[in-house]
N, C-alpha and C. Protein backbone atom coordinates (compact mmCIF):
# COMPACT_ATOMS: atom_id res chain seq x y z
N MET A 1 10.60 -11.09 14.70
CA MET A 1 9.16 -11.15 14.55
C MET A 1 8.83 -12.02 13.35
N GLN A 2 7.77 -12.80 13.48
CA GLN A 2 7.32 -13.64 12.38
C GLN A 2 5.86 -13.35 12.09
N ALA A 3 5.48 -13.57 10.85
CA ALA A 3 4.08 -13.39 10.46
C ALA A 3 3.70 -14.47 9.47
N GLU A 4 2.49 -14.97 9.60
CA GLU A 4 1.97 -15.93 8.63
C GLU A 4 1.11 -15.17 7.64
N LEU A 5 1.44 -15.29 6.37
CA LEU A 5 0.72 -14.58 5.32
C LEU A 5 0.07 -15.58 4.37
N PRO A 6 -1.11 -15.25 3.86
CA PRO A 6 -1.68 -16.09 2.80
C PRO A 6 -0.74 -16.07 1.60
N LYS A 7 -0.77 -17.12 0.80
CA LYS A 7 0.12 -17.22 -0.35
C LYS A 7 -0.02 -16.02 -1.28
N SER A 8 -1.24 -15.57 -1.51
CA SER A 8 -1.45 -14.43 -2.42
C SER A 8 -0.78 -13.17 -1.88
N THR A 9 -0.83 -12.97 -0.57
CA THR A 9 -0.18 -11.80 0.04
C THR A 9 1.33 -11.94 -0.04
N PHE A 10 1.83 -13.13 0.21
CA PHE A 10 3.27 -13.38 0.13
C PHE A 10 3.78 -13.17 -1.29
N ASP A 11 3.01 -13.64 -2.27
CA ASP A 11 3.39 -13.45 -3.67
C ASP A 11 3.41 -11.96 -4.04
N ALA A 12 2.42 -11.21 -3.55
CA ALA A 12 2.38 -9.77 -3.82
C ALA A 12 3.57 -9.08 -3.17
N LEU A 13 3.93 -9.50 -1.98
CA LEU A 13 5.09 -8.94 -1.27
C LEU A 13 6.37 -9.17 -2.07
N LYS A 14 6.55 -10.39 -2.56
CA LYS A 14 7.74 -10.70 -3.36
C LYS A 14 7.76 -9.89 -4.65
N GLU A 15 6.59 -9.76 -5.30
CA GLU A 15 6.52 -9.00 -6.55
C GLU A 15 6.86 -7.53 -6.33
N LEU A 16 6.32 -6.94 -5.27
CA LEU A 16 6.63 -5.54 -4.97
C LEU A 16 8.11 -5.35 -4.67
N ALA A 17 8.68 -6.25 -3.91
CA ALA A 17 10.11 -6.16 -3.57
C ALA A 17 10.96 -6.23 -4.83
N GLU A 18 10.63 -7.16 -5.70
CA GLU A 18 11.39 -7.31 -6.94
C GLU A 18 11.24 -6.07 -7.83
N ARG A 19 10.02 -5.59 -7.95
CA ARG A 19 9.74 -4.42 -8.79
C ARG A 19 10.48 -3.18 -8.30
N ARG A 20 10.59 -3.04 -6.97
CA ARG A 20 11.23 -1.86 -6.37
C ARG A 20 12.73 -2.04 -6.15
N GLY A 21 13.21 -3.26 -6.29
CA GLY A 21 14.63 -3.52 -6.08
C GLY A 21 15.04 -3.45 -4.62
N VAL A 22 14.12 -3.85 -3.74
CA VAL A 22 14.39 -3.85 -2.30
C VAL A 22 14.02 -5.22 -1.74
N ASP A 23 14.28 -5.42 -0.46
CA ASP A 23 13.91 -6.70 0.14
C ASP A 23 12.48 -6.64 0.68
N ALA A 24 11.94 -7.80 1.03
CA ALA A 24 10.57 -7.90 1.51
C ALA A 24 10.36 -7.11 2.79
N ASN A 25 11.35 -7.08 3.66
CA ASN A 25 11.25 -6.33 4.91
C ASN A 25 11.02 -4.84 4.63
N THR A 26 11.73 -4.30 3.65
CA THR A 26 11.57 -2.89 3.29
C THR A 26 10.16 -2.63 2.76
N VAL A 27 9.64 -3.53 1.95
CA VAL A 27 8.28 -3.37 1.43
C VAL A 27 7.28 -3.37 2.58
N LEU A 28 7.45 -4.27 3.54
CA LEU A 28 6.56 -4.30 4.71
C LEU A 28 6.64 -3.01 5.51
N GLN A 29 7.85 -2.51 5.72
CA GLN A 29 8.02 -1.25 6.45
C GLN A 29 7.31 -0.12 5.73
N GLN A 30 7.48 -0.04 4.41
CA GLN A 30 6.84 1.01 3.62
C GLN A 30 5.31 0.89 3.69
N ALA A 31 4.81 -0.33 3.62
CA ALA A 31 3.36 -0.54 3.68
C ALA A 31 2.79 -0.09 5.02
N ILE A 32 3.49 -0.41 6.09
CA ILE A 32 3.03 -0.02 7.42
C ILE A 32 3.08 1.50 7.58
N GLU A 33 4.15 2.11 7.10
CA GLU A 33 4.27 3.57 7.18
C GLU A 33 3.18 4.26 6.36
N THR A 34 2.87 3.73 5.18
CA THR A 34 1.82 4.29 4.35
C THR A 34 0.46 4.15 5.03
N GLU A 35 0.19 2.99 5.58
CA GLU A 35 -1.07 2.76 6.29
C GLU A 35 -1.20 3.70 7.48
N LYS A 36 -0.13 3.91 8.21
CA LYS A 36 -0.15 4.82 9.37
C LYS A 36 -0.45 6.24 8.91
N LEU A 37 0.22 6.69 7.86
CA LEU A 37 -0.01 8.03 7.32
C LEU A 37 -1.47 8.21 6.92
N LEU A 38 -2.00 7.25 6.18
CA LEU A 38 -3.39 7.35 5.74
C LEU A 38 -4.36 7.30 6.90
N SER A 39 -4.13 6.42 7.86
CA SER A 39 -5.06 6.32 8.99
C SER A 39 -5.01 7.57 9.86
N ASP A 40 -3.88 8.26 9.88
CA ASP A 40 -3.76 9.49 10.65
C ASP A 40 -4.44 10.68 9.96
N HIS A 41 -4.55 10.64 8.63
CA HIS A 41 -4.97 11.83 7.90
C HIS A 41 -6.23 11.67 7.05
N VAL A 42 -6.72 10.47 6.88
CA VAL A 42 -7.90 10.26 6.04
C VAL A 42 -9.06 9.84 6.93
N GLY A 43 -10.13 10.63 6.88
CA GLY A 43 -11.32 10.33 7.67
C GLY A 43 -12.28 9.43 6.92
N VAL A 44 -13.36 9.07 7.58
CA VAL A 44 -14.34 8.13 7.04
C VAL A 44 -14.90 8.60 5.69
N ASP A 45 -15.25 9.85 5.57
CA ASP A 45 -15.86 10.35 4.34
C ASP A 45 -14.88 11.06 3.41
N ASP A 46 -13.61 11.02 3.73
CA ASP A 46 -12.60 11.65 2.88
C ASP A 46 -12.35 10.81 1.63
N LYS A 47 -11.78 11.45 0.61
CA LYS A 47 -11.43 10.76 -0.63
C LYS A 47 -9.94 10.93 -0.89
N VAL A 48 -9.33 9.88 -1.39
CA VAL A 48 -7.94 9.94 -1.82
C VAL A 48 -7.96 9.77 -3.34
N LEU A 49 -7.37 10.73 -4.04
CA LEU A 49 -7.36 10.70 -5.50
C LEU A 49 -5.93 10.57 -6.00
N ILE A 50 -5.77 9.82 -7.08
CA ILE A 50 -4.49 9.70 -7.75
C ILE A 50 -4.63 10.40 -9.09
N GLU A 51 -3.79 11.40 -9.32
CA GLU A 51 -3.81 12.09 -10.61
C GLU A 51 -2.75 11.45 -11.51
N ARG A 52 -3.20 10.97 -12.64
CA ARG A 52 -2.30 10.34 -13.60
C ARG A 52 -1.67 11.41 -14.50
N PRO A 53 -0.58 11.07 -15.19
CA PRO A 53 0.08 12.05 -16.06
C PRO A 53 -0.84 12.64 -17.13
N ASN A 54 -1.85 11.87 -17.56
CA ASN A 54 -2.77 12.39 -18.59
C ASN A 54 -3.92 13.20 -17.98
N LYS A 55 -3.79 13.54 -16.70
CA LYS A 55 -4.75 14.37 -15.96
C LYS A 55 -6.07 13.67 -15.64
N THR A 56 -6.13 12.35 -15.80
CA THR A 56 -7.29 11.61 -15.32
C THR A 56 -7.05 11.25 -13.86
N TYR A 57 -8.14 10.91 -13.18
CA TYR A 57 -8.04 10.61 -11.75
C TYR A 57 -8.56 9.22 -11.45
N ALA A 58 -7.97 8.62 -10.44
CA ALA A 58 -8.46 7.36 -9.89
C ALA A 58 -8.76 7.62 -8.42
N ARG A 59 -9.89 7.17 -7.97
CA ARG A 59 -10.28 7.34 -6.57
C ARG A 59 -9.95 6.07 -5.81
N VAL A 60 -9.33 6.21 -4.67
CA VAL A 60 -8.98 5.06 -3.83
C VAL A 60 -10.01 4.97 -2.72
N ILE A 61 -10.62 3.80 -2.59
CA ILE A 61 -11.62 3.58 -1.55
C ILE A 61 -11.05 2.57 -0.56
N PHE A 62 -11.08 2.92 0.70
CA PHE A 62 -10.56 2.06 1.75
C PHE A 62 -11.71 1.42 2.50
N SER A 63 -11.58 0.14 2.79
CA SER A 63 -12.59 -0.53 3.60
C SER A 63 -12.24 -0.35 5.07
N LYS A 64 -13.25 -0.41 5.89
CA LYS A 64 -13.04 -0.22 7.33
C LYS A 64 -12.49 -1.46 7.97
């Protein structure tokens, strides 16, 4: 399978792979699995929150 990616997306893919110590294919697989999980469990008006170690929160907003 082949995919054409914008340069900024390709650069982000390479950066994530390097940061995680895996190859680009693994990063793509993880991204797809994460997207599937979220699309299966997060509804239109639901909120996803990230709790940081200092107990502050970041809210993740997904576009349709």
